[in-house]
Amino acid sequence: MTIQQITIATTIAAPIERVWEAYTTPADITQWNFASDDWCCPSAEADLRVGGRYKARMEAKDGSFGFDFEAVYDEIEPYKAITLAMGDGRKARTIFDATENGTKVTTMFDAETQNSIEMQRDGWQAILNNFRSYVEK
């Protein structure tokens, strides 16, 4: 069975150093790591080293649902790329490219089988868009 890969991207009007910091610092992650205003990220951990643990708690603000997104850092190239290995064997790779307009952030991730490709793409893109809005504030 072939795993389908999904790609999302955005360009952020900020220098790569600020984008990297906001993407990898737990205090920042809790401010942007959710897809809509009715969700939140009350906690995050980021042991930014190969083999280190990444964990973000995502919850509906009304308390109706929540889950932990957990992974292990598989690859880290400071200011260039991060690869996460999820517990089910899927991977997500995020690339940071400095451009004349700021920083382009591209994430490619292995799709899971529980939700539609469109739903996964839209959800991850919404989080990435929220990240852009947070950094550009």
N, C-alpha and C. Protein backbone atom coordinates (compact mmCIF):
# COMPACT_ATOMS: atom_id res chain seq x y z
N MET A 1 0.84 -1.19 0.00
CA MET A 1 0.00 0.00 0.00
C MET A 1 0.89 1.25 0.00
N THR A 2 0.63 2.15 -0.91
CA THR A 2 1.38 3.39 -1.02
C THR A 2 0.74 4.45 -0.13
N ILE A 3 1.58 5.14 0.63
CA ILE A 3 1.09 6.23 1.47
C ILE A 3 1.05 7.49 0.64
N GLN A 4 -0.09 8.15 0.64
CA GLN A 4 -0.22 9.41 -0.09
C GLN A 4 0.40 10.53 0.73
N GLN A 5 1.12 11.40 0.06
CA GLN A 5 1.72 12.55 0.73
C GLN A 5 0.95 13.81 0.37
N ILE A 6 0.74 14.65 1.35
CA ILE A 6 0.02 15.91 1.19
C ILE A 6 1.01 17.05 1.40
N THR A 7 0.91 18.09 0.58
CA THR A 7 1.79 19.25 0.70
C THR A 7 0.96 20.51 0.95
N ILE A 8 1.40 21.29 1.92
CA ILE A 8 0.80 22.59 2.21
C ILE A 8 1.92 23.62 2.27
N ALA A 9 1.59 24.89 2.06
CA ALA A 9 2.64 25.92 2.08
C ALA A 9 2.03 27.30 2.33
N THR A 10 2.88 28.19 2.80
CA THR A 10 2.53 29.60 2.94
C THR A 10 3.82 30.41 2.95
N THR A 11 3.70 31.69 2.64
CA THR A 11 4.84 32.60 2.75
C THR A 11 4.53 33.60 3.85
N ILE A 12 5.48 33.74 4.76
CA ILE A 12 5.32 34.59 5.94
C ILE A 12 6.21 35.82 5.80
N ALA A 13 5.64 36.98 6.02
CA ALA A 13 6.39 38.23 5.91
C ALA A 13 7.21 38.45 7.19
N ALA A 14 8.25 37.63 7.34
CA ALA A 14 9.14 37.72 8.50
C ALA A 14 10.45 37.02 8.15
N PRO A 15 11.54 37.41 8.80
CA PRO A 15 12.82 36.75 8.54
C PRO A 15 12.81 35.30 9.02
N ILE A 16 13.62 34.49 8.38
CA ILE A 16 13.65 33.06 8.67
C ILE A 16 13.97 32.78 10.14
N GLU A 17 14.79 33.60 10.77
CA GLU A 17 15.13 33.39 12.18
C GLU A 17 13.90 33.49 13.08
N ARG A 18 13.05 34.48 12.83
CA ARG A 18 11.82 34.63 13.63
C ARG A 18 10.85 33.50 13.34
N VAL A 19 10.73 33.10 12.08
CA VAL A 19 9.83 32.01 11.70
C VAL A 19 10.27 30.71 12.39
N TRP A 20 11.56 30.42 12.33
CA TRP A 20 12.11 29.21 12.97
C TRP A 20 11.82 29.23 14.47
N GLU A 21 12.09 30.36 15.11
CA GLU A 21 11.87 30.48 16.56
C GLU A 21 10.41 30.21 16.92
N ALA A 22 9.48 30.82 16.18
CA ALA A 22 8.06 30.65 16.47
C ALA A 22 7.59 29.22 16.20
N TYR A 23 8.24 28.55 15.28
CA TYR A 23 7.85 27.18 14.92
C TYR A 23 8.38 26.16 15.93
N THR A 24 9.46 26.50 16.64
CA THR A 24 10.14 25.51 17.47
C THR A 24 10.10 25.78 18.97
N THR A 25 9.57 26.91 19.39
CA THR A 25 9.55 27.28 20.80
C THR A 25 8.18 26.99 21.41
N PRO A 26 8.12 26.17 22.48
CA PRO A 26 6.83 25.80 23.05
C PRO A 26 5.91 26.97 23.38
N ALA A 27 6.44 28.05 23.94
CA ALA A 27 5.60 29.21 24.28
C ALA A 27 4.94 29.79 23.03
N ASP A 28 5.65 29.78 21.92
CA ASP A 28 5.06 30.25 20.66
C ASP A 28 4.07 29.23 20.11
N ILE A 29 4.44 27.95 20.13
CA ILE A 29 3.59 26.90 19.56
C ILE A 29 2.18 26.95 20.15
N THR A 30 2.08 27.21 21.46
CA THR A 30 0.76 27.25 22.10
C THR A 30 -0.10 28.40 21.59
N GLN A 31 0.52 29.39 20.95
CA GLN A 31 -0.22 30.55 20.46
C GLN A 31 -0.80 30.37 19.06
N TRP A 32 -0.31 29.37 18.31
CA TRP A 32 -0.76 29.23 16.91
C TRP A 32 -1.18 27.83 16.49
N ASN A 33 -0.89 26.81 17.29
CA ASN A 33 -1.07 25.43 16.84
C ASN A 33 -2.50 24.91 17.00
N PHE A 34 -3.41 25.51 16.24
CA PHE A 34 -4.80 25.07 16.18
C PHE A 34 -5.40 25.60 14.89
N ALA A 35 -6.42 24.90 14.41
CA ALA A 35 -6.96 25.20 13.08
C ALA A 35 -8.04 26.28 13.07
N SER A 36 -8.70 26.52 14.21
CA SER A 36 -9.78 27.51 14.24
C SER A 36 -9.86 28.14 15.62
N ASP A 37 -10.58 29.24 15.70
CA ASP A 37 -10.67 30.01 16.96
C ASP A 37 -11.39 29.27 18.07
N ASP A 38 -12.12 28.19 17.77
CA ASP A 38 -12.80 27.45 18.82
C ASP A 38 -11.93 26.32 19.38
N TRP A 39 -10.66 26.28 18.95
CA TRP A 39 -9.68 25.33 19.46
C TRP A 39 -8.53 26.09 20.11
N CYS A 40 -7.74 25.38 20.91
CA CYS A 40 -6.55 25.97 21.52
C CYS A 40 -5.47 24.90 21.67
N CYS A 41 -4.29 25.35 22.00
CA CYS A 41 -3.15 24.48 22.27
C CYS A 41 -2.63 24.85 23.65
N PRO A 42 -3.19 24.24 24.72
CA PRO A 42 -2.82 24.66 26.07
C PRO A 42 -1.40 24.32 26.49
N SER A 43 -0.77 23.35 25.82
CA SER A 43 0.60 23.01 26.19
C SER A 43 1.36 22.45 25.00
N ALA A 44 2.67 22.63 25.04
CA ALA A 44 3.54 22.10 23.98
C ALA A 44 4.91 21.80 24.57
N GLU A 45 5.54 20.78 24.03
CA GLU A 45 6.91 20.42 24.40
C GLU A 45 7.69 20.25 23.11
N ALA A 46 8.92 20.73 23.08
CA ALA A 46 9.75 20.61 21.88
C ALA A 46 11.21 20.42 22.31
N ASP A 47 11.63 19.17 22.38
CA ASP A 47 13.02 18.84 22.68
C ASP A 47 13.74 18.79 21.34
N LEU A 48 14.17 19.95 20.87
CA LEU A 48 14.64 20.15 19.49
C LEU A 48 16.03 19.54 19.27
N ARG A 49 16.04 18.22 19.14
CA ARG A 49 17.25 17.47 18.81
C ARG A 49 16.80 16.16 18.17
N VAL A 50 17.65 15.58 17.35
CA VAL A 50 17.31 14.29 16.74
C VAL A 50 17.07 13.29 17.87
N GLY A 51 15.91 12.65 17.82
CA GLY A 51 15.50 11.73 18.88
C GLY A 51 14.71 12.40 19.98
N GLY A 52 14.65 13.74 19.97
CA GLY A 52 13.89 14.48 20.97
C GLY A 52 12.39 14.37 20.71
N ARG A 53 11.62 14.64 21.73
CA ARG A 53 10.17 14.49 21.67
C ARG A 53 9.49 15.82 21.37
N TYR A 54 8.45 15.74 20.53
CA TYR A 54 7.56 16.87 20.27
C TYR A 54 6.18 16.44 20.74
N LYS A 55 5.51 17.30 21.48
CA LYS A 55 4.15 17.01 21.94
C LYS A 55 3.37 18.31 22.00
N ALA A 56 2.20 18.31 21.43
CA ALA A 56 1.30 19.46 21.51
C ALA A 56 -0.10 18.98 21.87
N ARG A 57 -0.67 19.56 22.88
CA ARG A 57 -2.04 19.25 23.30
C ARG A 57 -2.97 20.16 22.53
N MET A 58 -3.94 19.58 21.85
CA MET A 58 -4.93 20.36 21.11
C MET A 58 -6.30 20.06 21.70
N GLU A 59 -7.07 21.12 21.99
CA GLU A 59 -8.36 20.95 22.63
C GLU A 59 -9.39 21.92 22.07
N ALA A 60 -10.63 21.45 22.00
CA ALA A 60 -11.75 22.35 21.72
C ALA A 60 -11.92 23.22 22.96
N LYS A 61 -12.13 24.51 22.76
CA LYS A 61 -12.25 25.43 23.90
C LYS A 61 -13.44 25.09 24.80
N ASP A 62 -14.48 24.46 24.24
CA ASP A 62 -15.64 24.10 25.04
C ASP A 62 -15.43 22.79 25.82
N GLY A 63 -14.25 22.20 25.69
CA GLY A 63 -13.93 20.99 26.44
C GLY A 63 -14.50 19.71 25.87
N SER A 64 -15.14 19.78 24.71
CA SER A 64 -15.81 18.61 24.14
C SER A 64 -14.86 17.56 23.56
N PHE A 65 -13.64 17.96 23.22
CA PHE A 65 -12.71 17.02 22.59
C PHE A 65 -11.29 17.55 22.73
N GLY A 66 -10.35 16.64 22.79
CA GLY A 66 -8.96 17.03 22.82
C GLY A 66 -8.08 15.84 22.52
N PHE A 67 -6.84 16.10 22.11
CA PHE A 67 -5.91 15.02 21.83
C PHE A 67 -4.49 15.56 21.89
N ASP A 68 -3.56 14.64 22.05
CA ASP A 68 -2.14 14.97 22.03
C ASP A 68 -1.57 14.57 20.68
N PHE A 69 -0.88 15.50 20.02
CA PHE A 69 -0.14 15.19 18.81
C PHE A 69 1.29 14.97 19.26
N GLU A 70 1.79 13.75 19.07
CA GLU A 70 3.13 13.42 19.53
C GLU A 70 3.97 12.88 18.39
N ALA A 71 5.26 13.21 18.43
CA ALA A 71 6.19 12.75 17.40
C ALA A 71 7.60 12.84 17.96
N VAL A 72 8.54 12.32 17.20
CA VAL A 72 9.96 12.37 17.55
C VAL A 72 10.67 13.10 16.42
N TYR A 73 11.60 13.98 16.79
CA TYR A 73 12.38 14.68 15.77
C TYR A 73 13.32 13.67 15.09
N ASP A 74 13.12 13.49 13.80
CA ASP A 74 13.88 12.53 13.01
C ASP A 74 15.07 13.21 12.31
N GLU A 75 14.89 14.48 12.00
CA GLU A 75 15.93 15.25 11.32
C GLU A 75 15.74 16.72 11.66
N ILE A 76 16.85 17.41 11.92
CA ILE A 76 16.81 18.85 12.17
C ILE A 76 17.97 19.51 11.44
N GLU A 77 17.64 20.44 10.57
CA GLU A 77 18.63 21.28 9.91
C GLU A 77 18.25 22.71 10.29
N PRO A 78 18.92 23.31 11.28
CA PRO A 78 18.51 24.62 11.77
C PRO A 78 18.29 25.64 10.65
N TYR A 79 17.14 26.30 10.73
CA TYR A 79 16.70 27.33 9.78
C TYR A 79 16.46 26.78 8.37
N LYS A 80 16.44 25.47 8.21
CA LYS A 80 16.21 24.86 6.89
C LYS A 80 15.08 23.84 6.90
N ALA A 81 15.13 22.85 7.81
CA ALA A 81 14.13 21.78 7.75
C ALA A 81 14.03 21.02 9.06
N ILE A 82 12.83 20.47 9.29
CA ILE A 82 12.55 19.61 10.43
C ILE A 82 11.73 18.43 9.90
N THR A 83 12.12 17.21 10.30
CA THR A 83 11.32 16.04 9.98
C THR A 83 10.88 15.40 11.28
N LEU A 84 9.58 15.15 11.39
CA LEU A 84 9.00 14.49 12.56
C LEU A 84 8.55 13.09 12.16
N ALA A 85 8.78 12.13 13.05
CA ALA A 85 8.28 10.77 12.88
C ALA A 85 7.16 10.57 13.89
N MET A 86 5.95 10.30 13.39
CA MET A 86 4.81 10.09 14.26
C MET A 86 4.77 8.64 14.73
N GLY A 87 4.05 8.38 15.79
CA GLY A 87 4.00 7.05 16.39
C GLY A 87 3.50 5.95 15.48
N ASP A 88 2.68 6.31 14.50
CA ASP A 88 2.13 5.31 13.58
C ASP A 88 3.02 5.08 12.35
N GLY A 89 4.22 5.69 12.35
CA GLY A 89 5.15 5.48 11.24
C GLY A 89 5.10 6.55 10.17
N ARG A 90 4.09 7.41 10.22
CA ARG A 90 4.02 8.49 9.23
C ARG A 90 5.06 9.54 9.55
N LYS A 91 5.41 10.33 8.53
CA LYS A 91 6.39 11.40 8.71
C LYS A 91 5.81 12.72 8.21
N ALA A 92 6.36 13.79 8.76
CA ALA A 92 6.03 15.15 8.32
C ALA A 92 7.34 15.91 8.22
N ARG A 93 7.57 16.54 7.08
CA ARG A 93 8.79 17.32 6.87
C ARG A 93 8.41 18.75 6.56
N THR A 94 8.98 19.70 7.30
CA THR A 94 8.73 21.11 7.08
C THR A 94 10.03 21.76 6.64
N ILE A 95 9.94 22.52 5.55
CA ILE A 95 11.10 23.19 4.96
C ILE A 95 10.90 24.70 5.08
N PHE A 96 11.97 25.40 5.42
CA PHE A 96 11.96 26.85 5.58
C PHE A 96 12.89 27.44 4.52
N ASP A 97 12.35 28.30 3.65
CA ASP A 97 13.14 28.93 2.58
C ASP A 97 13.03 30.44 2.69
N ALA A 98 14.18 31.10 2.84
CA ALA A 98 14.19 32.57 2.83
C ALA A 98 13.91 33.04 1.40
N THR A 99 13.00 34.00 1.27
CA THR A 99 12.66 34.57 -0.04
C THR A 99 12.73 36.09 0.08
N GLU A 100 12.59 36.78 -1.04
CA GLU A 100 12.62 38.25 -0.98
C GLU A 100 11.38 38.80 -0.28
N ASN A 101 10.31 37.98 -0.16
CA ASN A 101 9.08 38.41 0.51
C ASN A 101 8.98 37.93 1.96
N GLY A 102 9.99 37.25 2.45
CA GLY A 102 9.94 36.72 3.81
C GLY A 102 10.45 35.29 3.86
N THR A 103 9.64 34.40 4.39
CA THR A 103 10.03 32.99 4.52
C THR A 103 8.91 32.11 4.02
N LYS A 104 9.23 31.24 3.07
CA LYS A 104 8.26 30.25 2.60
C LYS A 104 8.39 29.01 3.48
N VAL A 105 7.26 28.56 4.01
CA VAL A 105 7.21 27.37 4.84
C VAL A 105 6.37 26.33 4.10
N THR A 106 6.97 25.17 3.86
CA THR A 106 6.29 24.09 3.14
C THR A 106 6.34 22.84 4.01
N THR A 107 5.19 22.21 4.21
CA THR A 107 5.13 20.95 4.95
C THR A 107 4.57 19.87 4.04
N MET A 108 5.27 18.75 4.01
CA MET A 108 4.82 17.56 3.31
C MET A 108 4.61 16.49 4.37
N PHE A 109 3.43 15.89 4.40
CA PHE A 109 3.17 14.88 5.42
C PHE A 109 2.45 13.69 4.83
N ASP A 110 2.69 12.54 5.43
CA ASP A 110 2.03 11.31 5.03
C ASP A 110 0.59 11.35 5.52
N ALA A 111 -0.33 11.08 4.62
CA ALA A 111 -1.75 11.07 4.99
C ALA A 111 -2.05 9.87 5.88
N GLU A 112 -3.03 10.04 6.75
CA GLU A 112 -3.54 8.92 7.52
C GLU A 112 -4.79 8.40 6.83
N THR A 113 -5.36 7.32 7.29
CA THR A 113 -6.49 6.69 6.59
C THR A 113 -7.84 6.96 7.23
N GLN A 114 -7.86 7.64 8.38
CA GLN A 114 -9.12 7.86 9.09
C GLN A 114 -9.94 9.00 8.48
N ASN A 115 -9.29 10.05 8.02
CA ASN A 115 -9.98 11.22 7.48
C ASN A 115 -9.63 11.40 6.01
N SER A 116 -10.50 12.11 5.29
CA SER A 116 -10.28 12.32 3.85
C SER A 116 -9.03 13.17 3.62
N ILE A 117 -8.46 13.02 2.44
CA ILE A 117 -7.28 13.80 2.06
C ILE A 117 -7.61 15.30 2.16
N GLU A 118 -8.77 15.68 1.68
CA GLU A 118 -9.17 17.09 1.69
C GLU A 118 -9.26 17.63 3.12
N MET A 119 -9.84 16.83 4.01
CA MET A 119 -9.99 17.25 5.40
C MET A 119 -8.61 17.42 6.06
N GLN A 120 -7.71 16.48 5.79
CA GLN A 120 -6.36 16.57 6.34
C GLN A 120 -5.63 17.79 5.79
N ARG A 121 -5.69 17.97 4.47
CA ARG A 121 -5.01 19.12 3.85
C ARG A 121 -5.58 20.42 4.41
N ASP A 122 -6.89 20.52 4.47
CA ASP A 122 -7.52 21.75 4.96
C ASP A 122 -7.16 22.03 6.42
N GLY A 123 -7.15 21.00 7.25
CA GLY A 123 -6.83 21.17 8.66
C GLY A 123 -5.39 21.60 8.89
N TRP A 124 -4.45 20.92 8.22
CA TRP A 124 -3.04 21.29 8.36
C TRP A 124 -2.78 22.67 7.77
N GLN A 125 -3.44 22.98 6.64
CA GLN A 125 -3.26 24.31 6.04
C GLN A 125 -3.82 25.39 6.95
N ALA A 126 -4.94 25.14 7.61
CA ALA A 126 -5.52 26.12 8.53
C ALA A 126 -4.55 26.40 9.68
N ILE A 127 -3.90 25.36 10.19
CA ILE A 127 -2.90 25.56 11.25
C ILE A 127 -1.73 26.38 10.73
N LEU A 128 -1.26 26.06 9.52
CA LEU A 128 -0.15 26.81 8.94
C LEU A 128 -0.54 28.26 8.69
N ASN A 129 -1.77 28.50 8.27
CA ASN A 129 -2.25 29.88 8.08
C ASN A 129 -2.31 30.61 9.42
N ASN A 130 -2.72 29.91 10.46
CA ASN A 130 -2.76 30.50 11.80
C ASN A 130 -1.33 30.84 12.27
N PHE A 131 -0.38 29.96 11.93
CA PHE A 131 1.02 30.22 12.23
C PHE A 131 1.49 31.50 11.55
N ARG A 132 1.17 31.64 10.27
CA ARG A 132 1.54 32.85 9.52
C ARG A 132 0.96 34.09 10.20
N SER A 133 -0.32 34.05 10.53
CA SER A 133 -0.96 35.21 11.18
C SER A 133 -0.29 35.55 12.50
N TYR A 134 0.04 34.53 13.28
CA TYR A 134 0.71 34.76 14.57
C TYR A 134 2.07 35.43 14.36
N VAL A 135 2.87 34.90 13.46
CA VAL A 135 4.23 35.44 13.27
C VAL A 135 4.16 36.86 12.70
N GLU A 136 3.20 37.13 11.84
CA GLU A 136 3.12 38.44 11.20
C GLU A 136 2.54 39.52 12.11
N LYS A 137 1.99 39.16 13.28
CA LYS A 137 1.43 40.15 14.21
C LYS A 137 2.48 41.09 14.73
